[in-house]
Amino acid sequence: MLSDAVSALRCPICQDGLALENGPRRALSCAAGHSFDAARQGYFNLLTGKGTAFEADSAAMAGARHDFLSAGHYAALAHALGDLALPGLVRSGAVLLDSGTGTGNYLRAILDRTPTASIGLDISKFALRRAARLNPDTLNLVWDVWRPLPLGTGTIDVVTVVFAPRNPSEFARVLRPGGRAIVVTPRPGHLAEIAGLAGMLRIEEGKDERLAETMGGHFVLARQDSLDIHLQLDEAGAADLAFMGPAGHHLDRQELLGLLKGTGPVETTAKFSLTVFTTPPDAS
């Protein structure tokens, strides 16, 4: 299965195919001689040239996300995501792209149900260190999703995007005819109780409509499901939940613990939309 994932890759410099070298020096390289060594933790950094406009998640944010997701709080979301992904992965040699893979927990849940070739992209090397440990048979790549993806046209069967930026034109390009992009976004009221305590941004109205508009030029809207998960968290769990998101870029976890101190168990509801978009089938 790893070979199927490697065959989807393209060199970010010359767009030639990449091959995986498994020797004393593990690397991805192309025939033109461009080479990308594996980091000690197992991921590959394909970024070249100018930096990214994204603010990558820190090591502490990645740790909070891993701890929170590993505790199973969002297991129902992972299962629902798997239900939507599985029909697109039945083809022999299917390849799954997890764009914004983070610490790899959602991808792990899908792979546990259906082993398949997989590629995980994220801008945070700290998140990918954890993803590479959790999903060692996945090609985990540092990449900026706003750039052209280092993937061949029509090489991917399913793209999953969980709370991550979206590049609709590139997702449509790399997906096979009839492929699916599954996008998870928060709905208004998502974690409202914790948002109020921890100063998190609230989810604005009209988010689903804007998602459909931005994806609509490249995809057909196939279905949209809603999922609510009721949570009861201690102070540490609530702090992890707040810190693993955008709030982690301007607060530290100790500050969040201070804001939550004395609140006791926090009850809140996570509200998600899971939207499936498909590319047109092959006209032939």
C-alpha atoms as a PDB file:
ATOM      1  CA  MET A   1       0.000   0.000   0.000  1.00  0.00           C
ATOM      2  CA  LEU A   2       2.890   2.371   0.647  1.00  0.00           C
ATOM      3  CA  SER A   3       3.910   2.014  -2.995  1.00  0.00           C
ATOM      4  CA  ASP A   4       0.426   3.173  -4.064  1.00  0.00           C
ATOM      5  CA  ALA A   5       0.812   6.312  -1.949  1.00  0.00           C
ATOM      6  CA  VAL A   6       4.320   6.988  -3.292  1.00  0.00           C
ATOM      7  CA  SER A   7       3.073   6.637  -6.872  1.00  0.00           C
ATOM      8  CA  ALA A   8       0.690   9.554  -6.267  1.00  0.00           C
ATOM      9  CA  LEU A   9       3.521  11.933  -5.318  1.00  0.00           C
ATOM     10  CA  ARG A  10       5.130  14.514  -7.573  1.00  0.00           C
ATOM     11  CA  CYS A  11       8.325  16.441  -6.986  1.00  0.00           C
ATOM     12  CA  PRO A  12       7.417  19.960  -5.801  1.00  0.00           C
ATOM     13  CA  ILE A  13      10.313  21.384  -7.841  1.00  0.00           C
ATOM     14  CA  CYS A  14      10.001  19.681 -11.253  1.00  0.00           C
ATOM     15  CA  GLN A  15       6.699  17.757 -10.961  1.00  0.00           C
ATOM     16  CA  ASP A  16       8.392  14.487 -11.886  1.00  0.00           C
ATOM     17  CA  GLY A  17       7.408  11.353  -9.995  1.00  0.00           C
ATOM     18  CA  LEU A  18       9.033  10.641  -6.652  1.00  0.00           C
ATOM     19  CA  ALA A  19      10.478   7.323  -5.495  1.00  0.00           C
ATOM     20  CA  LEU A  20      11.081   6.191  -1.934  1.00  0.00           C
ATOM     21  CA  GLU A  21      14.632   5.183  -1.045  1.00  0.00           C
ATOM     22  CA  ASN A  22      14.739   2.792   1.905  1.00  0.00           C
ATOM     23  CA  GLY A  23      18.340   2.402   2.897  1.00  0.00           C
ATOM     24  CA  PRO A  24      20.687   3.940   5.425  1.00  0.00           C
ATOM     25  CA  ARG A  25      19.320   7.214   4.068  1.00  0.00           C
ATOM     26  CA  ARG A  26      15.531   7.211   3.746  1.00  0.00           C
ATOM     27  CA  ALA A  27      14.447   9.795   1.206  1.00  0.00           C
ATOM     28  CA  LEU A  28      11.978  10.732  -1.501  1.00  0.00           C
ATOM     29  CA  SER A  29      13.765  11.583  -4.749  1.00  0.00           C
ATOM     30  CA  CYS A  30      13.001  12.180  -8.427  1.00  0.00           C
ATOM     31  CA  ALA A  31      14.927  11.323 -11.593  1.00  0.00           C
ATOM     32  CA  ALA A  32      16.174  14.921 -11.833  1.00  0.00           C
ATOM     33  CA  GLY A  33      18.054  14.498  -8.560  1.00  0.00           C
ATOM     34  CA  HIS A  34      15.817  16.493  -6.232  1.00  0.00           C
ATOM     35  CA  SER A  35      15.781  14.702  -2.894  1.00  0.00           C
ATOM     36  CA  PHE A  36      13.937  15.098   0.396  1.00  0.00           C
ATOM     37  CA  ASP A  37      15.320  13.236   3.394  1.00  0.00           C
ATOM     38  CA  ALA A  38      13.070  11.798   6.052  1.00  0.00           C
ATOM     39  CA  ALA A  39      13.213  13.537   9.413  1.00  0.00           C
ATOM     40  CA  ARG A  40      14.364  11.412  12.316  1.00  0.00           C
ATOM     41  CA  GLN A  41      10.734  11.183  13.458  1.00  0.00           C
ATOM     42  CA  GLY A  42       9.620   9.709  10.112  1.00  0.00           C
ATOM     43  CA  TYR A  43       7.942  12.535   8.191  1.00  0.00           C
ATOM     44  CA  PHE A  44       9.204  14.299   5.039  1.00  0.00           C
ATOM     45  CA  ASN A  45       9.422  18.061   4.539  1.00  0.00           C
ATOM     46  CA  LEU A  46       8.690  18.871   0.881  1.00  0.00           C
ATOM     47  CA  LEU A  47       8.468  22.641   1.326  1.00  0.00           C
ATOM     48  CA  THR A  48      10.915  24.688  -0.729  1.00  0.00           C
ATOM     49  CA  GLY A  49      11.375  28.392  -1.423  1.00  0.00           C
ATOM     50  CA  LYS A  50       9.439  31.031   0.477  1.00  0.00           C
ATOM     51  CA  GLY A  51       7.821  30.339   3.805  1.00  0.00           C
ATOM     52  CA  THR A  52       4.145  29.868   4.479  1.00  0.00           C
ATOM     53  CA  ALA A  53       1.549  32.389   5.604  1.00  0.00           C
ATOM     54  CA  PHE A  54       0.107  29.805   7.998  1.00  0.00           C
ATOM     55  CA  GLU A  55       0.961  29.900  11.682  1.00  0.00           C
ATOM     56  CA  ALA A  56       1.841  26.288  12.379  1.00  0.00           C
ATOM     57  CA  ASP A  57       0.615  24.597  15.542  1.00  0.00           C
ATOM     58  CA  SER A  58       3.214  24.480  18.305  1.00  0.00           C
ATOM     59  CA  ALA A  59       4.497  21.371  20.036  1.00  0.00           C
ATOM     60  CA  ALA A  60       2.282  22.156  23.031  1.00  0.00           C
ATOM     61  CA  MET A  61      -0.823  22.551  20.839  1.00  0.00           C
ATOM     62  CA  ALA A  62      -0.078  19.260  19.091  1.00  0.00           C
ATOM     63  CA  GLY A  63       0.339  17.598  22.483  1.00  0.00           C
ATOM     64  CA  ALA A  64      -3.009  18.939  23.698  1.00  0.00           C
ATOM     65  CA  ARG A  65      -4.741  17.716  20.542  1.00  0.00           C
ATOM     66  CA  HIS A  66      -3.204  14.272  20.820  1.00  0.00           C
ATOM     67  CA  ASP A  67      -4.169  13.964  24.487  1.00  0.00           C
ATOM     68  CA  PHE A  68      -7.738  15.122  23.902  1.00  0.00           C
ATOM     69  CA  LEU A  69      -8.407  12.952  20.849  1.00  0.00           C
ATOM     70  CA  SER A  70      -6.664   9.913  22.327  1.00  0.00           C
ATOM     71  CA  ALA A  71      -9.065  10.112  25.275  1.00  0.00           C
ATOM     72  CA  GLY A  72     -11.874   9.310  22.819  1.00  0.00           C
ATOM     73  CA  HIS A  73     -13.908  12.496  23.259  1.00  0.00           C
ATOM     74  CA  TYR A  74     -14.415  12.831  19.493  1.00  0.00           C
ATOM     75  CA  ALA A  75     -14.614   9.097  18.731  1.00  0.00           C
ATOM     76  CA  ALA A  76     -18.125   9.528  17.328  1.00  0.00           C
ATOM     77  CA  LEU A  77     -16.806  12.097  14.859  1.00  0.00           C
ATOM     78  CA  ALA A  78     -13.973   9.800  13.781  1.00  0.00           C
ATOM     79  CA  HIS A  79     -16.472   6.962  13.255  1.00  0.00           C
ATOM     80  CA  ALA A  80     -18.831   9.157  11.223  1.00  0.00           C
ATOM     81  CA  LEU A  81     -15.906  10.361   9.106  1.00  0.00           C
ATOM     82  CA  GLY A  82     -14.946   6.745   8.458  1.00  0.00           C
ATOM     83  CA  ASP A  83     -18.503   5.883   7.400  1.00  0.00           C
ATOM     84  CA  LEU A  84     -18.366   8.613   4.757  1.00  0.00           C
ATOM     85  CA  ALA A  85     -14.845   7.756   3.571  1.00  0.00           C
ATOM     86  CA  LEU A  86     -15.184   3.977   3.245  1.00  0.00           C
ATOM     87  CA  PRO A  87     -17.372   3.881   0.104  1.00  0.00           C
ATOM     88  CA  GLY A  88     -14.686   5.816  -1.767  1.00  0.00           C
ATOM     89  CA  LEU A  89     -11.891   3.439  -0.754  1.00  0.00           C
ATOM     90  CA  VAL A  90     -13.184   0.146  -2.153  1.00  0.00           C
ATOM     91  CA  ARG A  91     -11.078   0.285  -5.321  1.00  0.00           C
ATOM     92  CA  SER A  92      -7.924  -1.830  -5.286  1.00  0.00           C
ATOM     93  CA  GLY A  93      -4.999   0.570  -4.916  1.00  0.00           C
ATOM     94  CA  ALA A  94      -7.156   3.383  -3.508  1.00  0.00           C
ATOM     95  CA  VAL A  95      -5.298   6.303  -1.922  1.00  0.00           C
ATOM     96  CA  LEU A  96      -6.610   8.501   0.898  1.00  0.00           C
ATOM     97  CA  LEU A  97      -5.348  12.062   1.418  1.00  0.00           C
ATOM     98  CA  ASP A  98      -5.821  13.559   4.893  1.00  0.00           C
ATOM     99  CA  SER A  99      -5.244  17.273   4.323  1.00  0.00           C
ATOM    100  CA  GLY A 100      -4.449  18.989   7.611  1.00  0.00           C
ATOM    101  CA  THR A 101      -3.810  15.624   9.235  1.00  0.00           C
ATOM    102  CA  GLY A 102      -2.573  17.189  12.482  1.00  0.00           C
ATOM    103  CA  THR A 103      -1.595  14.469  14.918  1.00  0.00           C
ATOM    104  CA  GLY A 104      -3.138  11.817  12.654  1.00  0.00           C
ATOM    105  CA  ASN A 105      -5.886  10.634  15.037  1.00  0.00           C
ATOM    106  CA  TYR A 106      -8.779  10.859  12.570  1.00  0.00           C
ATOM    107  CA  LEU A 107      -6.741   9.171   9.850  1.00  0.00           C
ATOM    108  CA  ARG A 108      -5.811   6.418  12.302  1.00  0.00           C
ATOM    109  CA  ALA A 109      -9.502   5.738  12.970  1.00  0.00           C
ATOM    110  CA  ILE A 110     -10.185   5.327   9.243  1.00  0.00           C
ATOM    111  CA  LEU A 111      -7.158   3.091   8.683  1.00  0.00           C
ATOM    112  CA  ASP A 112      -8.157   0.862  11.605  1.00  0.00           C
ATOM    113  CA  ARG A 113     -11.401   0.141   9.766  1.00  0.00           C
ATOM    114  CA  THR A 114     -10.010  -0.194   6.262  1.00  0.00           C
ATOM    115  CA  PRO A 115      -6.247  -0.419   5.730  1.00  0.00           C
ATOM    116  CA  THR A 116      -5.479   1.681   2.665  1.00  0.00           C
ATOM    117  CA  ALA A 117      -2.654   3.677   1.132  1.00  0.00           C
ATOM    118  CA  SER A 118      -2.608   7.098   2.756  1.00  0.00           C
ATOM    119  CA  ILE A 119      -0.922  10.494   2.662  1.00  0.00           C
ATOM    120  CA  GLY A 120      -1.106  13.038   5.473  1.00  0.00           C
ATOM    121  CA  LEU A 121      -0.340  16.721   4.897  1.00  0.00           C
ATOM    122  CA  ASP A 122       0.194  19.344   7.569  1.00  0.00           C
ATOM    123  CA  ILE A 123       2.176  22.542   7.993  1.00  0.00           C
ATOM    124  CA  SER A 124       3.221  21.726  11.573  1.00  0.00           C
ATOM    125  CA  LYS A 125       6.263  19.518  11.976  1.00  0.00           C
ATOM    126  CA  PHE A 126       5.349  19.150  15.645  1.00  0.00           C
ATOM    127  CA  ALA A 127       1.973  17.652  14.723  1.00  0.00           C
ATOM    128  CA  LEU A 128       3.572  15.432  12.077  1.00  0.00           C
ATOM    129  CA  ARG A 129       6.040  14.006  14.588  1.00  0.00           C
ATOM    130  CA  ARG A 130       3.057  12.573  16.424  1.00  0.00           C
ATOM    131  CA  ALA A 131       1.246  11.619  13.209  1.00  0.00           C
ATOM    132  CA  ALA A 132       4.281   9.684  11.974  1.00  0.00           C
ATOM    133  CA  ARG A 133       4.372   7.669  15.200  1.00  0.00           C
ATOM    134  CA  LEU A 134       0.657   6.981  15.095  1.00  0.00           C
ATOM    135  CA  ASN A 135       0.537   6.200  11.360  1.00  0.00           C
ATOM    136  CA  PRO A 136       3.980   4.835  10.427  1.00  0.00           C
ATOM    137  CA  ASP A 137       2.770   3.377   7.116  1.00  0.00           C
ATOM    138  CA  THR A 138       1.365   6.736   5.983  1.00  0.00           C
ATOM    139  CA  LEU A 139       3.411   9.209   3.948  1.00  0.00           C
ATOM    140  CA  ASN A 140       3.377  12.163   6.360  1.00  0.00           C
ATOM    141  CA  LEU A 141       4.439  15.354   4.601  1.00  0.00           C
ATOM    142  CA  VAL A 142       5.065  18.937   5.672  1.00  0.00           C
ATOM    143  CA  TRP A 143       3.191  20.996   3.100  1.00  0.00           C
ATOM    144  CA  ASP A 144       1.313  24.282   2.666  1.00  0.00           C
ATOM    145  CA  VAL A 145      -2.156  23.459   1.318  1.00  0.00           C
ATOM    146  CA  TRP A 146      -2.374  26.852  -0.404  1.00  0.00           C
ATOM    147  CA  ARG A 147       0.374  25.774  -2.786  1.00  0.00           C
ATOM    148  CA  PRO A 148      -0.180  23.317  -5.655  1.00  0.00           C
ATOM    149  CA  LEU A 149      -0.265  19.925  -3.971  1.00  0.00           C
ATOM    150  CA  PRO A 150       2.742  17.620  -4.579  1.00  0.00           C
ATOM    151  CA  LEU A 151       0.416  15.020  -6.094  1.00  0.00           C
ATOM    152  CA  GLY A 152      -0.401  13.876  -9.586  1.00  0.00           C
ATOM    153  CA  THR A 153      -3.691  14.694 -11.272  1.00  0.00           C
ATOM    154  CA  GLY A 154      -6.368  12.068 -10.610  1.00  0.00           C
ATOM    155  CA  THR A 155      -4.274  10.059  -8.147  1.00  0.00           C
ATOM    156  CA  ILE A 156      -6.441  10.335  -5.002  1.00  0.00           C
ATOM    157  CA  ASP A 157      -9.740   8.597  -4.209  1.00  0.00           C
ATOM    158  CA  VAL A 158     -10.811  10.413  -1.030  1.00  0.00           C
ATOM    159  CA  VAL A 159      -9.720  13.681   0.577  1.00  0.00           C
ATOM    160  CA  THR A 160     -10.590  14.311   4.232  1.00  0.00           C
ATOM    161  CA  VAL A 161     -10.358  17.820   5.691  1.00  0.00           C
ATOM    162  CA  VAL A 162     -11.108  18.153   9.400  1.00  0.00           C
ATOM    163  CA  PHE A 163     -11.027  21.747  10.730  1.00  0.00           C
ATOM    164  CA  ALA A 164      -8.307  22.587   8.207  1.00  0.00           C
ATOM    165  CA  PRO A 165      -7.875  25.037   5.306  1.00  0.00           C
ATOM    166  CA  ARG A 166      -9.277  24.017   1.942  1.00  0.00           C
ATOM    167  CA  ASN A 167      -7.904  24.402  -1.568  1.00  0.00           C
ATOM    168  CA  PRO A 168     -10.895  23.376  -3.713  1.00  0.00           C
ATOM    169  CA  SER A 169      -9.218  23.626  -7.120  1.00  0.00           C
ATOM    170  CA  GLU A 170      -6.279  21.481  -6.027  1.00  0.00           C
ATOM    171  CA  PHE A 171      -8.487  18.944  -4.275  1.00  0.00           C
ATOM    172  CA  ALA A 172     -10.537  18.630  -7.464  1.00  0.00           C
ATOM    173  CA  ARG A 173      -7.398  18.239  -9.566  1.00  0.00           C
ATOM    174  CA  VAL A 174      -5.852  15.422  -7.530  1.00  0.00           C
ATOM    175  CA  LEU A 175      -9.101  13.471  -7.059  1.00  0.00           C
ATOM    176  CA  ARG A 176     -10.069  10.741  -9.498  1.00  0.00           C
ATOM    177  CA  PRO A 177     -13.336  11.077 -11.434  1.00  0.00           C
ATOM    178  CA  GLY A 178     -16.115  10.347  -8.977  1.00  0.00           C
ATOM    179  CA  GLY A 179     -13.785  10.926  -6.029  1.00  0.00           C
ATOM    180  CA  ARG A 180     -14.999  12.517  -2.823  1.00  0.00           C
ATOM    181  CA  ALA A 181     -13.873  15.335  -0.560  1.00  0.00           C
ATOM    182  CA  ILE A 182     -15.207  15.118   3.002  1.00  0.00           C
ATOM    183  CA  VAL A 183     -15.067  18.381   4.939  1.00  0.00           C
ATOM    184  CA  VAL A 184     -15.723  18.676   8.679  1.00  0.00           C
ATOM    185  CA  THR A 185     -16.573  22.136  10.009  1.00  0.00           C
ATOM    186  CA  PRO A 186     -18.031  23.440  13.283  1.00  0.00           C
ATOM    187  CA  ARG A 187     -21.631  24.677  13.422  1.00  0.00           C
ATOM    188  CA  PRO A 188     -22.908  27.718  15.329  1.00  0.00           C
ATOM    189  CA  GLY A 189     -23.025  26.934  19.033  1.00  0.00           C
ATOM    190  CA  HIS A 190     -19.996  24.631  18.824  1.00  0.00           C
ATOM    191  CA  LEU A 191     -18.417  24.423  22.303  1.00  0.00           C
ATOM    192  CA  ALA A 192     -20.294  27.580  23.298  1.00  0.00           C
ATOM    193  CA  GLU A 193     -19.821  27.039  27.042  1.00  0.00           C
ATOM    194  CA  ILE A 194     -16.053  26.607  26.781  1.00  0.00           C
ATOM    195  CA  ALA A 195     -15.798  29.419  24.242  1.00  0.00           C
ATOM    196  CA  GLY A 196     -17.336  31.760  26.779  1.00  0.00           C
ATOM    197  CA  LEU A 197     -14.980  30.696  29.556  1.00  0.00           C
ATOM    198  CA  ALA A 198     -11.767  30.534  27.519  1.00  0.00           C
ATOM    199  CA  GLY A 199     -12.224  33.406  25.095  1.00  0.00           C
ATOM    200  CA  MET A 200     -12.486  31.208  22.002  1.00  0.00           C
ATOM    201  CA  LEU A 201     -13.909  32.653  18.803  1.00  0.00           C
ATOM    202  CA  ARG A 202     -17.555  31.817  18.273  1.00  0.00           C
ATOM    203  CA  ILE A 203     -18.709  30.186  15.036  1.00  0.00           C
ATOM    204  CA  GLU A 204     -20.426  32.682  12.767  1.00  0.00           C
ATOM    205  CA  GLU A 205     -23.705  32.007  10.976  1.00  0.00           C
ATOM    206  CA  GLY A 206     -23.654  31.085   7.295  1.00  0.00           C
ATOM    207  CA  LYS A 207     -20.514  28.948   7.458  1.00  0.00           C
ATOM    208  CA  ASP A 208     -22.117  25.999   5.628  1.00  0.00           C
ATOM    209  CA  GLU A 209     -23.357  28.274   2.851  1.00  0.00           C
ATOM    210  CA  ARG A 210     -19.887  29.750   2.349  1.00  0.00           C
ATOM    211  CA  LEU A 211     -18.344  26.274   2.277  1.00  0.00           C
ATOM    212  CA  ALA A 212     -20.788  25.179  -0.428  1.00  0.00           C
ATOM    213  CA  GLU A 213     -20.051  28.328  -2.417  1.00  0.00           C
ATOM    214  CA  THR A 214     -16.256  27.947  -2.310  1.00  0.00           C
ATOM    215  CA  MET A 215     -16.373  24.249  -3.176  1.00  0.00           C
ATOM    216  CA  GLY A 216     -19.229  24.516  -5.666  1.00  0.00           C
ATOM    217  CA  GLY A 217     -17.144  25.634  -8.614  1.00  0.00           C
ATOM    218  CA  HIS A 218     -15.256  22.332  -8.547  1.00  0.00           C
ATOM    219  CA  PHE A 219     -17.543  19.819  -6.832  1.00  0.00           C
ATOM    220  CA  VAL A 220     -21.090  18.557  -6.561  1.00  0.00           C
ATOM    221  CA  LEU A 221     -22.615  18.631  -3.077  1.00  0.00           C
ATOM    222  CA  ALA A 222     -23.523  15.002  -2.350  1.00  0.00           C
ATOM    223  CA  ARG A 223     -24.718  15.110   1.259  1.00  0.00           C
ATOM    224  CA  GLN A 224     -24.389  16.991   4.518  1.00  0.00           C
ATOM    225  CA  ASP A 225     -24.785  15.464   7.960  1.00  0.00           C
ATOM    226  CA  SER A 226     -24.926  17.068  11.384  1.00  0.00           C
ATOM    227  CA  LEU A 227     -23.382  15.505  14.466  1.00  0.00           C
ATOM    228  CA  ASP A 228     -23.646  16.676  18.074  1.00  0.00           C
ATOM    229  CA  ILE A 229     -21.432  15.245  20.815  1.00  0.00           C
ATOM    230  CA  HIS A 230     -22.239  16.064  24.418  1.00  0.00           C
ATOM    231  CA  LEU A 231     -19.088  16.428  26.506  1.00  0.00           C
ATOM    232  CA  GLN A 232     -18.435  16.539  30.226  1.00  0.00           C
ATOM    233  CA  LEU A 233     -14.819  17.530  30.817  1.00  0.00           C
ATOM    234  CA  ASP A 234     -12.625  18.168  33.803  1.00  0.00           C
ATOM    235  CA  GLU A 235     -10.536  21.350  33.830  1.00  0.00           C
ATOM    236  CA  ALA A 236      -7.551  19.659  32.170  1.00  0.00           C
ATOM    237  CA  GLY A 237      -9.676  18.211  29.370  1.00  0.00           C
ATOM    238  CA  ALA A 238     -11.430  21.531  28.775  1.00  0.00           C
ATOM    239  CA  ALA A 239      -8.061  23.311  28.658  1.00  0.00           C
ATOM    240  CA  ASP A 240      -6.748  20.793  26.118  1.00  0.00           C
ATOM    241  CA  LEU A 241      -9.847  21.267  23.986  1.00  0.00           C
ATOM    242  CA  ALA A 242      -9.485  25.044  23.967  1.00  0.00           C
ATOM    243  CA  PHE A 243      -5.711  25.017  23.540  1.00  0.00           C
ATOM    244  CA  MET A 244      -5.621  22.596  20.607  1.00  0.00           C
ATOM    245  CA  GLY A 245      -7.520  25.081  18.422  1.00  0.00           C
ATOM    246  CA  PRO A 246      -6.857  28.664  17.294  1.00  0.00           C
ATOM    247  CA  ALA A 247      -6.867  29.903  20.896  1.00  0.00           C
ATOM    248  CA  GLY A 248      -3.579  28.065  21.362  1.00  0.00           C
ATOM    249  CA  HIS A 249      -1.855  30.636  19.139  1.00  0.00           C
ATOM    250  CA  HIS A 250      -2.460  33.491  21.588  1.00  0.00           C
ATOM    251  CA  LEU A 251      -2.897  31.788  24.978  1.00  0.00           C
ATOM    252  CA  ASP A 252      -0.782  29.212  26.768  1.00  0.00           C
ATOM    253  CA  ARG A 253      -2.263  26.187  28.463  1.00  0.00           C
ATOM    254  CA  GLN A 254      -1.533  27.511  31.962  1.00  0.00           C
ATOM    255  CA  GLU A 255      -3.511  30.651  31.160  1.00  0.00           C
ATOM    256  CA  LEU A 256      -6.406  28.508  30.005  1.00  0.00           C
ATOM    257  CA  LEU A 257      -6.215  26.414  33.162  1.00  0.00           C
ATOM    258  CA  GLY A 258      -6.351  29.654  35.138  1.00  0.00           C
ATOM    259  CA  LEU A 259      -9.446  30.820  33.252  1.00  0.00           C
ATOM    260  CA  LEU A 260     -11.110  27.468  33.896  1.00  0.00           C
ATOM    261  CA  LYS A 261      -9.980  27.066  37.511  1.00  0.00           C
ATOM    262  CA  GLY A 262     -12.791  26.422  39.930  1.00  0.00           C
ATOM    263  CA  THR A 263     -15.395  25.773  37.259  1.00  0.00           C
ATOM    264  CA  GLY A 264     -15.543  22.063  38.059  1.00  0.00           C
ATOM    265  CA  PRO A 265     -16.714  19.678  35.332  1.00  0.00           C
ATOM    266  CA  VAL A 266     -17.568  21.631  32.189  1.00  0.00           C
ATOM    267  CA  GLU A 267     -20.520  20.483  30.129  1.00  0.00           C
ATOM    268  CA  THR A 268     -20.609  21.547  26.502  1.00  0.00           C
ATOM    269  CA  THR A 269     -21.726  20.296  23.112  1.00  0.00           C
ATOM    270  CA  ALA A 270     -19.524  19.907  20.047  1.00  0.00           C
ATOM    271  CA  LYS A 271     -21.548  20.649  16.920  1.00  0.00           C
ATOM    272  CA  PHE A 272     -20.198  19.452  13.577  1.00  0.00           C
ATOM    273  CA  SER A 273     -21.173  19.493   9.920  1.00  0.00           C
ATOM    274  CA  LEU A 274     -19.801  16.673   7.754  1.00  0.00           C
ATOM    275  CA  THR A 275     -20.154  17.590   4.099  1.00  0.00           C
ATOM    276  CA  VAL A 276     -19.402  15.260   1.199  1.00  0.00           C
ATOM    277  CA  PHE A 277     -18.492  16.751  -2.177  1.00  0.00           C
ATOM    278  CA  THR A 278     -17.874  14.634  -5.279  1.00  0.00           C
ATOM    279  CA  THR A 279     -16.062  15.214  -8.543  1.00  0.00           C
ATOM    280  CA  PRO A 280     -17.914  14.430 -11.784  1.00  0.00           C
ATOM    281  CA  PRO A 281     -17.654  10.804 -12.913  1.00  0.00           C
ATOM    282  CA  ASP A 282     -15.538   9.856 -15.887  1.00  0.00           C
ATOM    283  CA  ALA A 283     -17.503  10.811 -19.005  1.00  0.00           C
ATOM    284  CA  SER A 284     -16.089   7.829 -20.881  1.00  0.00           C
END
